[in-house]
Amino acid sequence: MTNFHNDNERLAFGADVLVNGLDLVLDPTGLLSRCETVTQETMVWHFSQCDDEFGRRLAETLGLDHDVVKA
């Protein structure tokens, strides 16, 4: 169990997630695309702790290798 376990249960994402009109993959991607790679990787790692599939999708849209980021 990680520190993010409870968040993972609360934030079980579906395929396309909109919350209050925000796309939870595209919005963070747009913001993170401006950041240095190390920052992108760190944030993908954190998101992956909450929900692995969400982290994978975020990494993919940023052009990162999710398996390398999680290692």
C-alpha atoms as a PDB file:
ATOM      1  CA  MET A   1       0.000   0.000   0.000  1.00  0.00           C
ATOM      2  CA  THR A   2       1.342   3.435  -0.939  1.00  0.00           C
ATOM      3  CA  ASN A   3       0.676   6.823   0.569  1.00  0.00           C
ATOM      4  CA  PHE A   4      -1.663   7.342  -2.351  1.00  0.00           C
ATOM      5  CA  HIS A   5      -3.805   4.249  -1.749  1.00  0.00           C
ATOM      6  CA  ASN A   6      -6.911   6.116  -0.577  1.00  0.00           C
ATOM      7  CA  ASP A   7      -6.609   8.624  -3.410  1.00  0.00           C
ATOM      8  CA  ASN A   8      -6.384   5.733  -5.842  1.00  0.00           C
ATOM      9  CA  GLU A   9      -9.689   4.366  -4.597  1.00  0.00           C
ATOM     10  CA  ARG A  10     -11.364   7.780  -4.801  1.00  0.00           C
ATOM     11  CA  LEU A  11      -9.867   8.694  -8.180  1.00  0.00           C
ATOM     12  CA  ALA A  12     -10.501   5.552 -10.213  1.00  0.00           C
ATOM     13  CA  PHE A  13     -10.498   7.097 -13.678  1.00  0.00           C
ATOM     14  CA  GLY A  14     -12.455   5.886 -16.663  1.00  0.00           C
ATOM     15  CA  ALA A  15     -11.266   6.032 -20.266  1.00  0.00           C
ATOM     16  CA  ASP A  16     -12.274   9.666 -20.810  1.00  0.00           C
ATOM     17  CA  VAL A  17     -12.494  11.739 -17.680  1.00  0.00           C
ATOM     18  CA  LEU A  18     -14.013  15.172 -17.405  1.00  0.00           C
ATOM     19  CA  VAL A  19     -14.310  16.832 -14.017  1.00  0.00           C
ATOM     20  CA  ASN A  20     -15.885  20.273 -13.886  1.00  0.00           C
ATOM     21  CA  GLY A  21     -15.254  20.568 -17.634  1.00  0.00           C
ATOM     22  CA  LEU A  22     -11.534  19.786 -17.383  1.00  0.00           C
ATOM     23  CA  ASP A  23      -9.983  16.878 -19.248  1.00  0.00           C
ATOM     24  CA  LEU A  24      -7.771  15.290 -16.589  1.00  0.00           C
ATOM     25  CA  VAL A  25      -5.214  14.059 -19.137  1.00  0.00           C
ATOM     26  CA  LEU A  26      -5.041  16.895 -21.640  1.00  0.00           C
ATOM     27  CA  ASP A  27      -5.017  19.741 -19.106  1.00  0.00           C
ATOM     28  CA  PRO A  28      -2.026  18.439 -17.078  1.00  0.00           C
ATOM     29  CA  THR A  29      -0.291  17.513 -20.340  1.00  0.00           C
ATOM     30  CA  GLY A  30      -0.607  21.063 -21.602  1.00  0.00           C
ATOM     31  CA  LEU A  31       0.848  22.440 -18.396  1.00  0.00           C
ATOM     32  CA  LEU A  32       3.568  19.808 -18.038  1.00  0.00           C
ATOM     33  CA  SER A  33       4.618  20.097 -21.681  1.00  0.00           C
ATOM     34  CA  ARG A  34       6.178  23.458 -20.734  1.00  0.00           C
ATOM     35  CA  CYS A  35       8.294  21.873 -18.009  1.00  0.00           C
ATOM     36  CA  GLU A  36      11.717  20.269 -18.152  1.00  0.00           C
ATOM     37  CA  THR A  37      11.778  16.503 -18.644  1.00  0.00           C
ATOM     38  CA  VAL A  38      12.839  15.806 -15.057  1.00  0.00           C
ATOM     39  CA  THR A  39       9.765  17.677 -13.800  1.00  0.00           C
ATOM     40  CA  GLN A  40       7.498  15.805 -16.234  1.00  0.00           C
ATOM     41  CA  GLU A  41       8.923  12.477 -15.089  1.00  0.00           C
ATOM     42  CA  THR A  42       8.484  13.377 -11.429  1.00  0.00           C
ATOM     43  CA  MET A  43       4.855  14.367 -11.923  1.00  0.00           C
ATOM     44  CA  VAL A  44       4.095  11.248 -14.013  1.00  0.00           C
ATOM     45  CA  TRP A  45       5.588   9.166 -11.187  1.00  0.00           C
ATOM     46  CA  HIS A  46       3.334  10.883  -8.636  1.00  0.00           C
ATOM     47  CA  PHE A  47       0.209  10.536 -10.798  1.00  0.00           C
ATOM     48  CA  SER A  48       1.076   6.866 -11.379  1.00  0.00           C
ATOM     49  CA  GLN A  49       1.083   6.294  -7.627  1.00  0.00           C
ATOM     50  CA  CYS A  50      -2.559   7.423  -7.551  1.00  0.00           C
ATOM     51  CA  ASP A  51      -3.685   5.596 -10.671  1.00  0.00           C
ATOM     52  CA  ASP A  52      -1.302   3.578 -12.829  1.00  0.00           C
ATOM     53  CA  GLU A  53      -3.397   3.836 -16.006  1.00  0.00           C
ATOM     54  CA  PHE A  54      -3.740   7.599 -15.620  1.00  0.00           C
ATOM     55  CA  GLY A  55       0.038   7.894 -15.201  1.00  0.00           C
ATOM     56  CA  ARG A  56       0.563   5.704 -18.261  1.00  0.00           C
ATOM     57  CA  ARG A  57      -1.763   7.845 -20.384  1.00  0.00           C
ATOM     58  CA  LEU A  58      -0.144  11.044 -19.148  1.00  0.00           C
ATOM     59  CA  ALA A  59       3.354   9.703 -19.904  1.00  0.00           C
ATOM     60  CA  GLU A  60       2.240   8.642 -23.373  1.00  0.00           C
ATOM     61  CA  THR A  61       0.863  12.078 -24.220  1.00  0.00           C
ATOM     62  CA  LEU A  62       4.112  13.683 -22.983  1.00  0.00           C
ATOM     63  CA  GLY A  63       6.221  11.261 -25.035  1.00  0.00           C
ATOM     64  CA  LEU A  64       7.726   9.606 -21.947  1.00  0.00           C
ATOM     65  CA  ASP A  65       8.305   5.899 -21.331  1.00  0.00           C
ATOM     66  CA  HIS A  66       6.000   5.107 -18.401  1.00  0.00           C
ATOM     67  CA  ASP A  67       7.908   1.960 -17.411  1.00  0.00           C
ATOM     68  CA  VAL A  68      11.186   3.903 -17.209  1.00  0.00           C
ATOM     69  CA  VAL A  69       9.567   6.710 -15.202  1.00  0.00           C
ATOM     70  CA  LYS A  70       8.074   4.245 -12.686  1.00  0.00           C
ATOM     71  CA  ALA A  71      11.391   2.427 -12.151  1.00  0.00           C
END
